[in-house]
Amino acid sequence: MNCPVIVALDLPDRDSALRMVDRLRDYVDLYKVGMELFYSEGSRFVRELTSREAKVFLDLKFHDIPNTVASAVRQLARLRPAMMTVHAPGGFEMLRQASRAVGEAGSVNGSKPILLAITLLTSIDEKTLREDLMVAESPLEYVVNMARVSQASGIDGVVASPREAERIREVCGRDLLIVTPGIRPSWFGHGDQKRVATPSQAIRAGADYIVVGRPIIESPDPVDAARRIIDEAREGAVRRPASW
């Protein structure tokens, strides 16, 4: 397994984000650009990252009518990100059209981004799901269903918490990529994340990649933190069931 860690650049501006990339470049090559940074710095920043040979996970979580999402995905694919996200609860047709749009863009650009579907935000627990969203299923049942729908639509993979990764892998097999946020090493607090796991636990449960933000970017020594997390993730890969 190559480096399974995606560093979330949850930083307020271009300069601080680029400094972090420069510090970590010998250890990490894939970086998540979310809403805050993208809306602040725009497409030019994504191009800056790729010009530095960094791969970009463009995490904008599209959720709209199918045609609108497909058009947005098609436009952003021109930036040649390695990964992009849409929200699985947008439904099968939205996911299907987004998947087709990425495939078309890949044919034109010569580079097809991996399209991931967000199953359920890791800040949402069972109480929130039931009381606020009026969903009777448990988070596990809901997430696995969203993974099934996403896989059937042609989506490349899903974003799910480490707690659901094992069941998704059992149900959807090896063909579906699993990316897990909500990663918190034992030496770092949970913050606002509710469905979390350590790097080793997530990889052992079936995740292909883990997304790590605060434990690295808020560390006094981000390089040391990244190395510790990468080592722990690789330890999890060694202990993963042979059937995966």
Protein backbone atom coordinates (compact mmCIF):
# COMPACT_ATOMS: atom_id res chain seq x y z
CA MET A 1 0.00 0.00 0.00
CA ASN A 2 1.30 3.46 -0.89
CA CYS A 3 0.74 6.27 1.59
CA PRO A 4 -2.86 5.81 2.77
CA VAL A 5 -3.06 9.22 4.46
CA ILE A 6 -4.87 12.20 2.96
CA VAL A 7 -4.06 15.42 4.79
CA ALA A 8 -7.01 17.78 5.15
CA LEU A 9 -5.86 21.33 4.48
CA ASP A 10 -8.45 22.81 6.80
CA LEU A 11 -6.54 26.07 6.92
CA PRO A 12 -7.80 29.62 6.38
CA ASP A 13 -5.69 30.79 3.46
CA ARG A 14 -3.41 29.91 0.57
CA ASP A 15 -0.11 30.75 2.25
CA SER A 16 -0.63 28.61 5.34
CA ALA A 17 -1.87 25.72 3.20
CA LEU A 18 1.10 25.87 0.84
CA ARG A 19 3.52 26.02 3.76
CA MET A 20 1.93 22.87 5.17
CA VAL A 21 2.21 21.08 1.81
CA ASP A 22 5.86 22.06 1.52
CA ARG A 23 6.56 20.69 5.00
CA LEU A 24 4.83 17.36 4.34
CA ARG A 25 5.73 16.74 0.70
CA ASP A 26 8.31 14.01 1.47
CA TYR A 27 5.68 11.97 3.30
CA VAL A 28 2.25 12.78 1.84
CA ASP A 29 1.16 13.40 -1.75
CA LEU A 30 -2.64 13.70 -1.46
CA TYR A 31 -4.34 16.71 0.14
CA LYS A 32 -7.98 17.49 0.80
CA VAL A 33 -9.21 20.93 -0.21
CA GLY A 34 -12.59 21.60 1.36
CA MET A 35 -15.17 24.33 1.16
CA GLU A 36 -13.41 26.94 3.30
CA LEU A 37 -10.17 26.91 1.36
CA PHE A 38 -11.74 26.48 -2.08
CA TYR A 39 -14.26 29.28 -1.61
CA SER A 40 -11.49 31.50 -0.26
CA GLU A 41 -8.80 30.78 -2.86
CA GLY A 42 -10.67 29.25 -5.80
CA SER A 43 -9.54 27.16 -8.72
CA ARG A 44 -6.20 28.95 -9.00
CA PHE A 45 -5.15 27.43 -5.69
CA VAL A 46 -5.99 23.91 -6.92
CA ARG A 47 -3.79 24.54 -9.95
CA GLU A 48 -1.00 25.75 -7.67
CA LEU A 49 -1.13 22.52 -5.72
CA THR A 50 -1.06 20.34 -8.82
CA SER A 51 1.83 22.39 -10.22
CA ARG A 52 3.77 21.35 -7.08
CA GLU A 53 3.02 17.70 -7.92
CA ALA A 54 0.52 17.43 -5.08
CA LYS A 55 -2.64 15.42 -5.70
CA VAL A 56 -5.89 17.13 -4.76
CA PHE A 57 -8.96 15.63 -3.11
CA LEU A 58 -11.55 18.30 -3.93
CA ASP A 59 -14.15 17.85 -1.23
CA LEU A 60 -17.07 20.14 -2.13
CA LYS A 61 -19.86 17.64 -1.40
CA PHE A 62 -22.27 18.47 -4.23
CA HIS A 63 -25.95 17.88 -3.47
CA ASP A 64 -28.49 19.30 -5.94
CA ILE A 65 -30.70 18.20 -8.80
CA PRO A 66 -28.97 15.66 -11.09
CA ASN A 67 -28.31 17.97 -14.03
CA THR A 68 -26.81 20.70 -11.85
CA VAL A 69 -24.50 18.29 -10.05
CA ALA A 70 -23.40 16.69 -13.32
CA SER A 71 -22.57 20.11 -14.77
CA ALA A 72 -20.63 21.14 -11.66
CA VAL A 73 -18.66 17.91 -11.63
CA ARG A 74 -17.88 18.29 -15.33
CA GLN A 75 -16.54 21.81 -14.80
CA LEU A 76 -14.41 21.00 -11.77
CA ALA A 77 -12.96 17.90 -13.42
CA ARG A 78 -11.12 20.34 -15.69
CA LEU A 79 -8.91 21.15 -12.69
CA ARG A 80 -7.72 17.52 -12.76
CA PRO A 81 -8.30 16.68 -9.09
CA ALA A 82 -7.46 13.16 -8.00
CA MET A 83 -10.76 12.86 -6.09
CA MET A 84 -14.09 14.68 -5.88
CA THR A 85 -17.19 14.27 -3.70
CA VAL A 86 -20.96 14.34 -4.01
CA HIS A 87 -23.59 13.56 -1.36
CA ALA A 88 -25.05 10.05 -1.61
CA PRO A 89 -28.46 11.17 -0.23
CA GLY A 90 -28.90 13.08 -3.49
CA GLY A 91 -30.16 9.75 -4.81
CA PHE A 92 -29.38 7.21 -7.49
CA GLU A 93 -30.11 9.43 -10.50
CA MET A 94 -27.97 12.29 -9.22
CA LEU A 95 -25.12 9.88 -8.53
CA ARG A 96 -25.50 8.17 -11.91
CA GLN A 97 -25.36 11.45 -13.82
CA ALA A 98 -22.39 12.66 -11.78
CA SER A 99 -20.55 9.41 -12.49
CA ARG A 100 -21.22 9.72 -16.22
CA ALA A 101 -20.06 13.36 -16.19
CA VAL A 102 -16.76 12.39 -14.56
CA GLY A 103 -16.26 9.67 -17.15
CA GLU A 104 -16.92 12.11 -20.00
CA ALA A 105 -14.56 14.66 -18.47
CA GLY A 106 -11.88 12.02 -18.13
CA SER A 107 -12.16 11.18 -21.82
CA VAL A 108 -11.67 14.84 -22.72
CA ASN A 109 -9.00 15.74 -20.16
CA GLY A 110 -7.11 12.47 -20.22
CA SER A 111 -7.45 12.24 -16.44
CA LYS A 112 -10.53 10.84 -14.69
CA PRO A 113 -11.01 11.91 -11.07
CA ILE A 114 -12.15 9.33 -8.55
CA LEU A 115 -15.74 10.21 -7.63
CA LEU A 116 -16.70 9.54 -4.02
CA ALA A 117 -20.13 9.67 -2.41
CA ILE A 118 -20.50 11.02 1.11
CA THR A 119 -22.66 8.52 2.98
CA LEU A 120 -23.18 10.29 6.31
CA LEU A 121 -21.16 13.08 7.89
CA THR A 122 -19.08 11.89 10.83
CA SER A 123 -20.52 14.70 12.95
CA ILE A 124 -23.94 12.99 12.80
CA ASP A 125 -24.67 10.35 15.42
CA GLU A 126 -27.72 8.13 15.94
CA LYS A 127 -29.56 10.75 18.01
CA THR A 128 -29.10 13.41 15.33
CA LEU A 129 -30.05 10.98 12.57
CA ARG A 130 -33.24 9.94 14.34
CA GLU A 131 -34.41 13.18 15.95
CA ASP A 132 -33.24 15.84 13.49
CA LEU A 133 -33.31 13.98 10.18
CA MET A 134 -36.21 11.64 11.04
CA VAL A 135 -34.31 8.58 9.82
CA ALA A 136 -35.31 5.40 11.64
CA GLU A 137 -32.29 3.32 10.59
CA SER A 138 -29.12 3.18 12.64
CA PRO A 139 -26.09 5.03 11.23
CA LEU A 140 -24.64 1.66 10.17
CA GLU A 141 -27.79 0.60 8.29
CA TYR A 142 -28.12 4.00 6.66
CA VAL A 143 -24.48 4.19 5.57
CA VAL A 144 -24.42 0.67 4.14
CA ASN A 145 -27.56 1.39 2.14
CA MET A 146 -26.01 4.61 0.78
CA ALA A 147 -22.91 2.61 -0.18
CA ARG A 148 -25.05 0.07 -2.05
CA VAL A 149 -26.88 2.83 -3.93
CA SER A 150 -23.62 4.59 -4.75
CA GLN A 151 -21.99 1.42 -6.05
CA ALA A 152 -25.02 0.61 -8.20
CA SER A 153 -24.91 4.09 -9.73
CA GLY A 154 -21.33 3.71 -10.94
CA ILE A 155 -19.66 5.82 -8.26
CA ASP A 156 -16.03 4.83 -7.62
CA GLY A 157 -16.14 4.88 -3.85
CA VAL A 158 -17.65 6.22 -0.68
CA VAL A 159 -16.70 8.37 2.26
CA ALA A 160 -17.81 6.76 5.51
CA SER A 161 -16.74 6.71 9.13
CA PRO A 162 -14.31 4.01 10.25
CA ARG A 163 -17.11 2.41 12.25
CA GLU A 164 -18.97 1.48 9.06
CA ALA A 165 -15.99 0.57 6.87
CA GLU A 166 -15.89 -3.11 7.80
CA ARG A 167 -19.55 -3.72 7.00
CA ILE A 168 -19.30 -1.76 3.73
CA ARG A 169 -16.35 -3.89 2.71
CA GLU A 170 -18.27 -7.07 3.51
CA VAL A 171 -21.34 -5.96 1.53
CA CYS A 172 -19.71 -4.14 -1.41
CA GLY A 173 -16.48 -6.09 -1.84
CA ARG A 174 -13.06 -4.88 -2.94
CA ASP A 175 -14.25 -2.92 -5.97
CA LEU A 176 -15.62 0.00 -3.96
CA LEU A 177 -13.05 2.45 -2.65
CA ILE A 178 -13.53 3.46 0.99
CA VAL A 179 -12.21 6.75 2.34
CA THR A 180 -12.62 7.40 6.05
CA PRO A 181 -12.56 10.75 7.83
CA GLY A 182 -13.06 10.97 11.59
CA ILE A 183 -9.52 9.71 12.26
CA ARG A 184 -8.25 10.51 15.71
CA PRO A 185 -5.02 8.99 17.03
CA SER A 186 -5.11 8.00 20.68
CA TRP A 187 -2.94 11.03 21.49
CA PHE A 188 -5.44 13.54 20.04
CA GLY A 189 -8.97 14.49 21.18
CA HIS A 190 -12.18 13.82 19.22
CA GLY A 191 -13.27 17.46 18.75
CA ASP A 192 -16.63 17.69 16.95
CA GLN A 193 -16.30 14.24 15.39
CA LYS A 194 -18.59 11.58 16.90
CA ARG A 195 -17.95 8.40 14.90
CA VAL A 196 -14.18 8.10 15.07
CA ALA A 197 -11.33 5.56 15.12
CA THR A 198 -7.56 5.46 15.21
CA PRO A 199 -5.59 5.18 11.94
CA SER A 200 -4.83 1.50 12.55
CA GLN A 201 -8.44 0.66 13.37
CA ALA A 202 -9.74 2.36 10.21
CA ILE A 203 -7.32 0.64 7.83
CA ARG A 204 -7.81 -2.71 9.53
CA ALA A 205 -11.58 -2.30 9.13
CA GLY A 206 -11.25 -1.97 5.35
CA ALA A 207 -10.51 1.68 4.56
CA ASP A 208 -8.28 2.36 1.55
CA TYR A 209 -7.48 5.91 2.62
CA ILE A 210 -7.87 7.88 5.83
CA VAL A 211 -8.39 11.64 5.98
CA VAL A 212 -6.50 13.38 8.78
CA GLY A 213 -6.65 17.09 9.49
CA ARG A 214 -6.26 18.53 12.96
CA PRO A 215 -3.93 15.89 14.44
CA ILE A 216 -1.39 16.88 11.77
CA ILE A 217 -2.00 20.53 10.92
CA GLU A 218 -2.48 21.60 14.55
CA SER A 219 0.57 19.68 15.76
CA PRO A 220 3.65 21.62 16.89
CA ASP A 221 5.54 19.24 14.59
CA PRO A 222 3.29 18.29 11.62
CA VAL A 223 5.98 16.13 10.02
CA ASP A 224 6.40 13.99 13.13
CA ALA A 225 2.63 13.70 13.52
CA ALA A 226 2.23 12.65 9.88
CA ARG A 227 4.96 10.01 10.19
CA ARG A 228 3.39 8.55 13.32
CA ILE A 229 -0.04 8.37 11.67
CA ILE A 230 1.35 6.83 8.47
CA ASP A 231 3.22 4.20 10.47
CA GLU A 232 0.10 3.34 12.45
CA ALA A 233 -2.02 3.13 9.28
CA ARG A 234 0.48 0.74 7.69
CA GLU A 235 0.41 -1.37 10.84
CA GLY A 236 -3.36 -1.62 10.37
CA ALA A 237 -2.86 -2.80 6.77
CA VAL A 238 -0.62 -5.64 7.97
CA ARG A 239 -3.33 -6.77 10.38
CA ARG A 240 -6.17 -6.55 7.83
CA PRO A 241 -8.01 -9.82 7.02
CA ALA A 242 -6.32 -11.66 4.15
CA SER A 243 -9.62 -11.89 2.25
CA TRP A 244 -9.55 -8.08 1.76
